[in-house]
N, C-alpha and C. Protein backbone atom coordinates (compact mmCIF):
# COMPACT_ATOMS: atom_id res chain seq x y z
N MET A 1 80.14 117.38 105.71
CA MET A 1 80.87 118.67 105.09
C MET A 1 79.75 119.13 103.87
N SER A 2 79.15 120.25 103.89
CA SER A 2 78.11 120.61 103.28
C SER A 2 78.93 121.13 101.66
N ARG A 3 78.20 121.17 100.70
CA ARG A 3 78.34 121.21 99.17
C ARG A 3 78.19 122.58 99.16
N HIS A 4 79.32 123.36 98.50
CA HIS A 4 79.70 124.99 98.20
C HIS A 4 78.53 125.25 96.95
N VAL A 5 77.80 126.20 97.18
CA VAL A 5 77.02 126.69 96.12
C VAL A 5 77.77 127.91 95.62
N TYR A 6 78.24 127.93 94.38
CA TYR A 6 79.13 128.86 93.82
C TYR A 6 78.26 129.96 93.25
N THR A 7 78.73 131.31 93.83
CA THR A 7 78.09 132.46 93.23
C THR A 7 78.45 132.67 91.84
N GLU A 8 77.90 133.60 91.26
CA GLU A 8 78.11 134.16 89.71
C GLU A 8 79.96 134.83 89.80
N GLU A 9 79.84 135.48 90.79
CA GLU A 9 81.19 135.91 91.01
C GLU A 9 82.27 135.12 91.02
N GLU A 10 82.00 134.11 91.85
CA GLU A 10 82.98 132.90 92.08
C GLU A 10 83.13 132.09 90.82
N ARG A 11 82.22 131.93 90.55
CA ARG A 11 82.33 131.02 89.06
C ARG A 11 83.04 131.46 87.92
N LYS A 12 83.09 133.06 87.63
CA LYS A 12 83.77 133.92 86.63
C LYS A 12 85.42 134.13 87.36
N PHE A 13 85.62 134.16 88.57
CA PHE A 13 87.09 133.76 89.24
C PHE A 13 87.51 132.47 88.76
N LEU A 14 86.74 131.24 89.22
CA LEU A 14 87.53 130.05 88.70
C LEU A 14 87.83 130.18 87.30
N GLU A 15 86.80 130.39 86.57
CA GLU A 15 86.94 130.16 84.96
C GLU A 15 88.04 130.77 84.47
N ALA A 16 88.30 132.06 84.84
CA ALA A 16 89.66 132.64 84.68
C ALA A 16 90.88 132.45 85.20
N PHE A 17 90.79 131.83 86.35
CA PHE A 17 91.70 131.65 87.11
C PHE A 17 92.44 130.06 87.18
N ILE A 18 91.58 129.00 86.62
CA ILE A 18 92.01 127.83 86.48
C ILE A 18 93.00 127.53 85.50
N PRO A 19 92.84 128.19 84.34
CA PRO A 19 94.00 127.54 83.28
C PRO A 19 95.33 128.02 83.91
N GLY A 20 96.23 127.23 83.83
CA GLY A 20 97.76 127.37 84.02
C GLY A 20 97.94 127.19 85.59
N HIS A 21 97.17 126.58 86.30
CA HIS A 21 97.25 126.56 87.54
C HIS A 21 97.11 125.06 88.38
N MET A 22 97.67 124.83 89.18
CA MET A 22 97.23 123.21 89.88
C MET A 22 96.08 123.46 90.87
N ARG A 23 95.58 122.32 91.13
CA ARG A 23 94.47 122.39 91.89
C ARG A 23 94.55 123.13 93.22
N LYS A 24 95.77 122.74 93.90
CA LYS A 24 96.10 123.35 95.15
C LYS A 24 96.08 124.87 95.09
N GLU A 25 96.66 125.03 94.18
CA GLU A 25 97.01 126.73 93.92
C GLU A 25 95.43 127.36 93.89
N ILE A 26 94.71 126.54 92.99
CA ILE A 26 93.29 127.19 92.72
C ILE A 26 92.37 127.13 93.82
N ARG A 27 92.58 126.40 94.97
CA ARG A 27 91.87 126.11 96.09
C ARG A 27 92.51 127.27 96.99
N GLU A 28 93.48 127.32 97.31
CA GLU A 28 94.21 128.43 98.12
C GLU A 28 93.68 129.79 97.86
N ALA A 29 94.12 130.20 96.26
CA ALA A 29 93.53 131.48 95.98
C ALA A 29 92.04 131.69 95.98
N PHE A 30 91.19 130.83 95.75
CA PHE A 30 89.81 130.68 95.64
C PHE A 30 89.29 131.00 97.40
N ASN A 31 90.02 129.99 98.22
CA ASN A 31 89.68 130.44 99.73
C ASN A 31 90.11 131.73 100.37
N ASN A 32 91.43 132.39 99.71
CA ASN A 32 91.93 133.55 100.34
C ASN A 32 90.82 134.71 99.75
N ARG A 33 90.65 134.56 98.54
CA ARG A 33 90.03 135.62 98.22
C ARG A 33 88.50 135.68 98.52
N PHE A 34 87.86 134.50 98.98
CA PHE A 34 86.31 134.53 99.04
C PHE A 34 86.15 134.12 100.33
N GLY A 35 86.93 134.01 101.31
CA GLY A 35 86.89 133.44 102.34
C GLY A 35 86.34 132.25 103.01
N CYS A 36 86.44 131.35 101.99
CA CYS A 36 85.83 130.01 101.98
C CYS A 36 86.76 128.84 102.56
N ASN A 37 86.39 127.74 102.54
CA ASN A 37 87.26 126.80 102.82
C ASN A 37 86.73 125.38 102.09
N ILE A 38 86.90 125.46 100.83
CA ILE A 38 86.64 124.57 99.70
C ILE A 38 88.09 123.50 99.72
N SER A 39 87.75 122.31 99.54
CA SER A 39 89.00 121.53 99.25
C SER A 39 89.47 121.09 98.02
N VAL A 40 90.67 120.55 97.53
CA VAL A 40 91.10 120.51 96.51
C VAL A 40 90.08 119.49 95.44
N GLY A 41 89.47 118.38 96.46
CA GLY A 41 88.55 117.59 95.78
C GLY A 41 87.50 118.50 95.11
N ALA A 42 86.90 119.33 95.95
CA ALA A 42 85.84 120.48 95.24
C ALA A 42 86.27 121.02 94.13
N VAL A 43 87.57 121.46 93.92
CA VAL A 43 88.20 121.99 93.07
C VAL A 43 88.10 121.02 91.90
N LYS A 44 88.49 119.96 92.06
CA LYS A 44 88.44 118.99 91.00
C LYS A 44 87.29 118.66 90.43
N ALA A 45 86.17 118.48 91.37
CA ALA A 45 84.67 118.25 91.07
C ALA A 45 84.11 119.53 90.11
N TYR A 46 84.41 120.52 90.59
CA TYR A 46 83.95 121.52 89.77
C TYR A 46 84.59 121.74 88.23
N MET A 47 85.81 121.31 88.07
CA MET A 47 86.44 121.30 87.00
C MET A 47 85.88 120.38 86.24
N ALA A 48 85.67 119.18 86.73
CA ALA A 48 85.17 118.06 85.94
C ALA A 48 83.71 118.45 85.52
N HIS A 49 83.13 118.83 86.40
CA HIS A 49 81.51 118.95 86.09
C HIS A 49 81.16 120.19 85.24
N HIS A 50 82.43 121.28 85.08
CA HIS A 50 82.25 122.25 84.04
C HIS A 50 83.15 122.13 83.01
N LYS A 51 83.89 120.82 83.05
CA LYS A 51 84.64 120.47 81.75
C LYS A 51 85.49 121.52 81.33
N ILE A 52 86.39 122.02 82.78
CA ILE A 52 87.37 123.06 82.77
C ILE A 52 88.61 122.29 82.79
N ARG A 53 89.47 122.44 81.89
CA ARG A 53 90.88 121.94 82.19
C ARG A 53 91.81 123.35 82.56
N ASN A 54 92.87 122.78 83.19
CA ASN A 54 93.96 123.72 83.80
C ASN A 54 94.95 123.67 82.63
N GLY A 55 95.20 122.75 81.88
CA GLY A 55 96.25 122.83 80.58
C GLY A 55 97.53 122.20 81.28
N ILE A 56 97.50 121.89 82.41
CA ILE A 56 98.75 121.21 82.98
C ILE A 56 98.99 119.56 82.63
N VAL A 57 99.75 119.28 82.07
CA VAL A 57 100.12 118.12 81.74
C VAL A 57 101.15 117.64 82.63
N LYS A 58 100.84 116.33 83.44
CA LYS A 58 101.53 115.63 84.28
C LYS A 58 102.54 114.74 83.81
N VAL A 59 103.07 114.69 82.53
CA VAL A 59 104.04 113.75 82.01
C VAL A 59 105.32 114.64 81.59
N PHE A 60 106.27 113.58 81.42
CA PHE A 60 107.62 113.99 80.89
C PHE A 60 107.72 114.41 79.53
N PRO A 61 108.10 115.21 78.98
CA PRO A 61 108.09 115.27 77.64
C PRO A 61 109.25 114.23 77.14
N LYS A 62 109.16 114.09 75.65
CA LYS A 62 109.73 113.02 74.82
C LYS A 62 111.29 113.48 75.02
N GLY A 63 112.09 112.46 75.39
CA GLY A 63 113.35 112.57 75.47
C GLY A 63 113.97 113.18 76.90
N HIS A 64 112.95 113.40 77.74
CA HIS A 64 113.53 113.82 79.10
C HIS A 64 114.26 112.61 79.93
N THR A 65 115.37 112.95 80.52
CA THR A 65 116.20 112.03 81.39
C THR A 65 115.73 112.28 82.68
N PRO A 66 115.22 111.22 83.23
CA PRO A 66 114.92 110.87 84.64
C PRO A 66 116.08 111.25 85.42
N ALA A 67 116.05 112.11 86.60
CA ALA A 67 117.00 112.37 87.50
C ALA A 67 117.57 111.09 88.40
N ASN A 68 116.98 109.91 88.20
CA ASN A 68 117.31 108.59 88.88
C ASN A 68 117.85 107.74 87.73
N LYS A 69 118.10 108.19 86.42
CA LYS A 69 118.53 107.17 85.56
C LYS A 69 120.30 106.71 85.75
N GLY A 70 120.12 105.53 85.83
CA GLY A 70 121.58 104.89 86.03
C GLY A 70 121.69 104.63 87.34
N LYS A 71 120.88 105.05 88.45
CA LYS A 71 121.06 104.69 89.61
C LYS A 71 120.34 103.68 90.37
N LYS A 72 121.04 102.76 90.93
CA LYS A 72 120.53 101.55 91.85
C LYS A 72 119.71 102.10 92.89
N MET A 73 118.29 101.42 92.61
CA MET A 73 117.22 101.56 93.77
C MET A 73 117.61 100.70 94.84
N ALA A 74 117.49 101.44 96.12
CA ALA A 74 117.63 100.61 97.32
C ALA A 74 116.43 99.72 97.41
N ASP A 75 116.71 98.54 98.00
CA ASP A 75 115.72 97.55 98.08
C ASP A 75 114.57 98.20 99.07
N SER A 76 113.54 97.91 98.66
CA SER A 76 112.18 98.30 99.42
C SER A 76 112.01 97.47 100.68
N LYS A 77 111.30 98.09 101.36
CA LYS A 77 111.19 97.18 102.50
C LYS A 77 110.12 96.28 102.79
N THR A 78 109.21 96.45 101.47
CA THR A 78 108.57 95.40 101.09
C THR A 78 108.95 94.02 100.35
N ARG A 79 110.07 94.30 99.79
CA ARG A 79 110.56 93.23 99.12
C ARG A 79 110.69 92.12 99.83
N LYS A 80 110.37 90.89 99.27
CA LYS A 80 110.28 89.58 99.86
C LYS A 80 111.75 88.68 99.54
N PRO A 81 112.47 87.99 100.23
CA PRO A 81 113.38 87.28 100.05
C PRO A 81 113.06 86.11 99.19
N VAL A 82 114.11 85.63 98.52
CA VAL A 82 113.84 84.38 97.83
C VAL A 82 113.53 83.34 98.94
N GLY A 83 112.59 82.50 98.80
CA GLY A 83 111.99 81.29 99.52
C GLY A 83 110.85 81.71 100.48
N THR A 84 110.52 82.95 100.20
CA THR A 84 109.26 83.33 101.11
C THR A 84 108.23 82.57 100.49
N GLU A 85 107.02 82.15 101.06
CA GLU A 85 105.87 81.85 100.90
C GLU A 85 104.80 82.70 101.05
N TYR A 86 103.44 82.48 100.59
CA TYR A 86 102.31 83.41 100.87
C TYR A 86 101.36 82.63 100.42
N VAL A 87 99.81 82.84 101.19
CA VAL A 87 98.84 81.95 100.63
C VAL A 87 98.04 83.25 100.02
N GLY A 88 97.54 82.56 98.77
CA GLY A 88 96.89 83.45 97.97
C GLY A 88 95.64 83.58 98.39
N PRO A 89 94.61 84.32 97.90
CA PRO A 89 93.16 84.39 98.11
C PRO A 89 92.23 83.33 97.74
N ASN A 90 92.83 82.25 96.88
CA ASN A 90 92.33 81.19 96.31
C ASN A 90 92.89 79.89 97.28
N GLY A 91 93.46 80.24 98.37
CA GLY A 91 94.04 79.22 99.12
C GLY A 91 95.37 78.19 98.68
N TYR A 92 95.79 78.46 97.68
CA TYR A 92 97.10 78.25 96.88
C TYR A 92 98.42 78.82 97.43
N ILE A 93 99.19 78.03 97.68
CA ILE A 93 100.61 78.45 98.34
C ILE A 93 101.27 78.88 97.01
N LYS A 94 102.14 79.92 97.05
CA LYS A 94 103.25 80.40 96.16
C LYS A 94 104.43 80.67 97.08
N ILE A 95 105.68 80.49 95.97
CA ILE A 95 106.97 80.38 96.82
C ILE A 95 107.68 81.43 95.68
N LYS A 96 108.68 82.44 96.40
CA LYS A 96 109.26 83.19 95.42
C LYS A 96 110.48 82.42 94.98
N ILE A 97 110.84 82.14 93.83
CA ILE A 97 112.00 81.43 93.48
C ILE A 97 113.26 82.35 93.15
N ALA A 98 112.94 83.44 92.68
CA ALA A 98 113.94 84.12 92.07
C ALA A 98 113.54 85.78 91.98
N GLU A 99 114.81 86.49 91.85
CA GLU A 99 114.32 87.95 91.81
C GLU A 99 114.27 88.43 90.44
N PRO A 100 113.63 89.41 90.00
CA PRO A 100 113.13 90.30 90.88
C PRO A 100 111.33 89.55 90.67
N ASP A 101 110.89 89.45 91.75
CA ASP A 101 109.61 88.92 92.08
C ASP A 101 109.28 87.84 91.22
N LYS A 102 109.79 86.44 91.10
CA LYS A 102 109.30 85.49 90.41
C LYS A 102 108.70 84.31 91.32
N TRP A 103 107.32 84.24 91.51
CA TRP A 103 106.79 83.28 92.20
C TRP A 103 106.13 82.14 91.40
N VAL A 104 105.99 81.03 92.03
CA VAL A 104 105.46 79.88 91.41
C VAL A 104 104.69 79.09 92.52
N PRO A 105 103.75 78.28 91.95
CA PRO A 105 103.00 77.64 92.80
C PRO A 105 103.95 76.59 93.68
N LYS A 106 103.81 76.57 94.73
CA LYS A 106 104.52 75.75 95.54
C LYS A 106 104.45 74.41 95.26
N GLN A 107 103.38 73.54 95.01
CA GLN A 107 103.12 72.16 94.39
C GLN A 107 104.08 71.94 93.26
N ARG A 108 104.08 72.91 92.33
CA ARG A 108 105.05 72.99 90.98
C ARG A 108 106.21 72.87 91.47
N TYR A 109 106.88 74.08 92.31
CA TYR A 109 108.31 73.89 92.84
C TYR A 109 108.45 72.45 93.43
N ILE A 110 107.97 72.11 94.38
CA ILE A 110 108.37 70.83 94.90
C ILE A 110 108.18 69.64 93.64
N TRP A 111 107.22 69.54 92.94
CA TRP A 111 107.07 68.59 91.91
C TRP A 111 108.50 68.31 91.10
N GLU A 112 108.65 69.63 90.68
CA GLU A 112 109.90 69.89 89.72
C GLU A 112 111.37 69.61 90.38
N LYS A 113 111.46 69.66 91.77
CA LYS A 113 112.68 69.45 92.55
C LYS A 113 113.08 68.07 92.52
N ILE A 114 111.78 67.12 92.58
CA ILE A 114 111.80 65.92 92.64
C ILE A 114 111.90 65.22 91.02
N ASN A 115 110.86 65.81 90.26
CA ASN A 115 110.70 65.01 89.05
C ASN A 115 111.31 65.90 88.00
N GLY A 116 111.61 66.94 87.86
CA GLY A 116 112.06 67.64 86.70
C GLY A 116 110.95 68.62 86.40
N PRO A 117 111.36 69.45 85.24
CA PRO A 117 110.26 70.35 85.02
C PRO A 117 108.88 69.85 84.52
N VAL A 118 107.98 70.45 84.76
CA VAL A 118 106.40 70.52 84.32
C VAL A 118 106.18 70.72 82.75
N PRO A 119 106.06 69.54 82.03
CA PRO A 119 105.85 69.86 80.63
C PRO A 119 104.72 70.78 80.32
N ASP A 120 104.94 71.53 79.05
CA ASP A 120 104.08 72.42 78.59
C ASP A 120 102.65 71.66 78.58
N GLY A 121 101.63 72.28 78.90
CA GLY A 121 100.52 71.71 78.69
C GLY A 121 99.78 70.85 80.21
N TYR A 122 100.70 71.06 80.88
CA TYR A 122 100.40 69.98 82.28
C TYR A 122 100.43 70.83 83.41
N VAL A 123 99.93 70.56 84.50
CA VAL A 123 99.84 71.10 85.67
C VAL A 123 99.99 70.10 86.90
N VAL A 124 100.46 70.44 88.10
CA VAL A 124 100.44 69.77 89.15
C VAL A 124 99.38 69.88 89.94
N ALA A 125 98.27 68.68 90.24
CA ALA A 125 97.16 68.93 90.98
C ALA A 125 97.77 68.30 92.26
N PHE A 126 96.41 68.28 93.37
CA PHE A 126 96.17 67.54 94.60
C PHE A 126 95.45 66.45 94.16
N ARG A 127 95.99 65.20 94.78
CA ARG A 127 95.28 63.84 94.59
C ARG A 127 94.17 64.48 96.05
N ASP A 128 94.29 64.76 97.06
CA ASP A 128 93.24 64.64 98.21
C ASP A 128 92.44 66.24 98.02
N ASN A 129 92.77 67.15 97.09
CA ASN A 129 91.94 68.04 97.00
C ASN A 129 92.22 69.17 98.02
N ASN A 130 93.36 68.89 98.70
CA ASN A 130 93.73 69.75 99.76
C ASN A 130 95.12 70.58 99.29
N ASN A 131 94.80 71.90 98.76
CA ASN A 131 95.85 72.53 98.31
C ASN A 131 96.77 72.95 99.19
N GLN A 132 96.78 72.41 100.43
CA GLN A 132 97.84 72.76 101.66
C GLN A 132 98.84 71.82 101.78
N ASN A 133 98.47 70.33 101.11
CA ASN A 133 99.04 69.45 101.57
C ASN A 133 100.29 69.03 100.47
N MET A 134 101.38 69.56 100.75
CA MET A 134 102.44 69.52 99.86
C MET A 134 103.32 68.38 99.72
N ASP A 135 102.70 67.15 100.46
CA ASP A 135 103.42 65.87 100.18
C ASP A 135 103.54 65.32 98.68
N ILE A 136 104.63 65.04 98.28
CA ILE A 136 104.91 64.31 97.16
C ILE A 136 104.08 63.51 96.59
N ASN A 137 103.44 62.63 97.52
CA ASN A 137 102.68 61.32 97.08
C ASN A 137 101.18 62.07 96.98
N ASN A 138 100.96 63.40 97.44
CA ASN A 138 99.66 63.78 97.05
C ASN A 138 99.67 64.59 95.70
N LEU A 139 100.82 64.87 95.28
CA LEU A 139 100.71 65.57 94.09
C LEU A 139 100.72 64.72 92.75
N MET A 140 100.35 65.37 91.88
CA MET A 140 100.02 64.43 90.46
C MET A 140 100.20 65.41 89.30
N LEU A 141 100.87 64.65 88.32
CA LEU A 141 100.96 65.49 86.96
C LEU A 141 99.52 65.32 86.05
N ILE A 142 99.05 66.33 85.96
CA ILE A 142 97.93 66.03 84.76
C ILE A 142 97.88 67.23 83.75
N SER A 143 97.17 66.69 82.55
CA SER A 143 97.42 67.57 81.47
C SER A 143 96.12 68.72 81.85
N LYS A 144 96.17 69.77 81.07
CA LYS A 144 95.20 70.83 81.38
C LYS A 144 94.00 70.27 80.89
N ALA A 145 93.49 69.54 79.95
CA ALA A 145 92.64 68.82 79.27
C ALA A 145 92.32 68.30 80.55
N GLU A 146 93.03 67.20 81.16
CA GLU A 146 92.45 66.39 82.28
C GLU A 146 91.83 67.22 83.32
N ARG A 147 92.55 68.40 83.83
CA ARG A 147 92.40 69.07 84.78
C ARG A 147 90.62 69.95 84.51
N LEU A 148 90.69 70.35 83.43
CA LEU A 148 89.27 70.95 82.95
C LEU A 148 88.21 69.79 83.05
N VAL A 149 88.60 68.52 82.78
CA VAL A 149 87.40 67.46 83.26
C VAL A 149 87.40 67.13 84.49
N MET A 150 88.38 66.95 84.95
CA MET A 150 88.06 66.83 86.59
C MET A 150 87.38 67.88 87.27
N ASN A 151 87.81 69.08 86.90
CA ASN A 151 86.99 70.11 87.48
C ASN A 151 85.48 70.45 87.33
N GLN A 152 84.92 69.82 85.90
CA GLN A 152 83.86 70.06 85.67
C GLN A 152 83.18 68.74 86.10
N PHE A 153 83.53 67.59 86.21
CA PHE A 153 82.78 66.17 86.55
C PHE A 153 83.12 65.60 87.90
N TYR A 154 84.43 65.77 88.09
CA TYR A 154 84.91 65.18 89.27
C TYR A 154 85.82 65.80 90.55
N ASN A 155 85.08 67.00 90.54
CA ASN A 155 85.86 67.82 91.42
C ASN A 155 85.89 67.33 92.82
N LYS A 156 84.90 66.77 93.50
CA LYS A 156 84.82 66.43 94.81
C LYS A 156 85.01 65.12 95.07
N CYS A 157 85.57 64.69 93.94
CA CYS A 157 86.18 62.96 94.17
C CYS A 157 87.28 62.99 95.27
N PRO A 158 87.06 61.77 96.31
CA PRO A 158 87.90 61.64 97.11
C PRO A 158 89.05 60.91 96.36
N GLY A 159 90.43 61.45 97.51
CA GLY A 159 91.84 60.97 97.12
C GLY A 159 91.87 59.44 96.52
N GLU A 160 91.16 58.66 97.38
CA GLU A 160 91.59 57.12 96.77
C GLU A 160 90.83 56.87 95.23
N LEU A 161 89.85 57.63 94.70
CA LEU A 161 89.26 57.61 93.75
C LEU A 161 89.78 58.13 92.75
N LYS A 162 90.83 59.10 92.83
CA LYS A 162 91.32 60.18 91.89
C LYS A 162 91.99 59.48 90.57
N ASP A 163 92.68 58.53 90.90
CA ASP A 163 93.02 57.73 89.76
C ASP A 163 91.96 56.98 88.74
N THR A 164 91.06 56.50 89.33
CA THR A 164 89.97 56.14 88.45
C THR A 164 89.19 57.23 87.96
N ALA A 165 89.11 58.25 88.68
CA ALA A 165 88.53 59.72 87.78
C ALA A 165 89.00 60.26 86.92
N LEU A 166 90.72 59.99 86.95
CA LEU A 166 91.35 60.50 85.82
C LEU A 166 90.98 59.44 84.80
N LEU A 167 91.05 58.40 84.82
CA LEU A 167 91.01 57.24 83.81
C LEU A 167 89.63 57.76 83.31
N LEU A 168 88.54 57.95 83.84
CA LEU A 168 87.08 58.67 83.27
C LEU A 168 87.45 59.59 82.37
N ALA A 169 88.32 60.80 83.26
CA ALA A 169 88.57 61.90 82.23
C ALA A 169 89.19 61.71 81.14
N ASP A 170 90.13 61.05 80.76
CA ASP A 170 90.97 60.46 79.72
C ASP A 170 89.91 59.95 78.77
N LEU A 171 88.80 59.16 79.33
CA LEU A 171 88.08 58.47 78.49
C LEU A 171 87.02 59.66 77.86
N ARG A 172 86.56 60.58 78.63
CA ARG A 172 85.74 61.62 78.02
C ARG A 172 86.57 62.29 77.14
N ILE A 173 87.85 62.71 77.17
CA ILE A 173 88.53 63.30 76.26
C ILE A 173 89.01 62.78 74.99
N ALA A 174 89.25 61.27 75.12
CA ALA A 174 89.42 60.32 73.96
C ALA A 174 87.99 60.68 73.09
N THR A 175 86.82 60.25 73.95
CA THR A 175 85.26 60.41 73.11
C THR A 175 85.21 61.67 72.61
N GLY A 176 85.60 62.91 72.97
CA GLY A 176 85.47 63.94 72.32
C GLY A 176 86.09 64.30 71.28
N LYS A 177 87.50 63.88 71.43
CA LYS A 177 88.26 63.88 70.17
C LYS A 177 87.68 63.15 68.93
N ARG A 178 87.34 61.75 69.19
CA ARG A 178 86.58 61.07 68.36
C ARG A 178 85.65 61.21 67.67
N ARG A 179 84.77 62.20 68.42
CA ARG A 179 83.33 62.90 67.82
C ARG A 179 83.63 63.75 67.17
N LYS A 180 84.68 64.50 67.10
CA LYS A 180 85.40 65.67 66.44
C LYS A 180 85.71 65.15 65.15
N GLU A 181 86.63 64.25 65.29
CA GLU A 181 87.02 63.59 64.05
C GLU A 181 85.82 62.75 63.12
N ILE A 182 84.90 62.26 63.48
CA ILE A 182 83.75 61.70 62.88
C ILE A 182 83.23 62.71 62.54
N LYS A 183 82.71 64.19 62.83
CA LYS A 183 82.08 64.99 62.55
C LYS A 183 82.98 65.78 61.35
N ASN A 184 84.33 65.92 61.24
CA ASN A 184 85.02 66.39 60.37
C ASN A 184 85.07 65.43 58.93
N GLU A 185 85.05 64.11 59.41
CA GLU A 185 85.02 62.99 58.20
C GLU A 185 83.59 63.50 57.22
N ASN A 186 82.63 63.51 57.97
CA ASN A 186 81.12 63.63 57.42
C ASN A 186 80.90 65.08 56.70
N HIS A 187 82.00 65.78 56.72
CA HIS A 187 81.76 67.04 55.97
C HIS A 187 82.99 67.22 54.99
């Protein structure tokens, strides 16, 4: 579709007609008057390019009562029931545990069913690096600090060496804390 080149008469019409009218009304009036076929998008572009506002505000005034206030909304066809699982873009499985839309990582859900709540500052990780393997023996509770170090230095560590890698991560964390303490003591 080619771009419409506005004549002087068309520009004057638009500048006079736009205030107080919706884009669809502007398009219809313009097309009827000049025998054209411009789109609503063309009207929007013209208004933006020439910095012309129609003065119509599409928000409810303060104190407005919505027509559906107090009415229960019907469940959407897209609403998923509790227990639904999905695989996110990062490959992790999430499970819906409550309404409305309360989702948690599946590994956390499984861990908590067997071991109780995950403490603050901790996460449930995968021993074999396979975020689809939900076997309880593959899940391990680690601190967020341990996860950070594991991701930085031991991310590709095989499952059978994961406990050793965690010990090394703990050693790095303890070393870092001690260095900070020494630095603070010397200041």
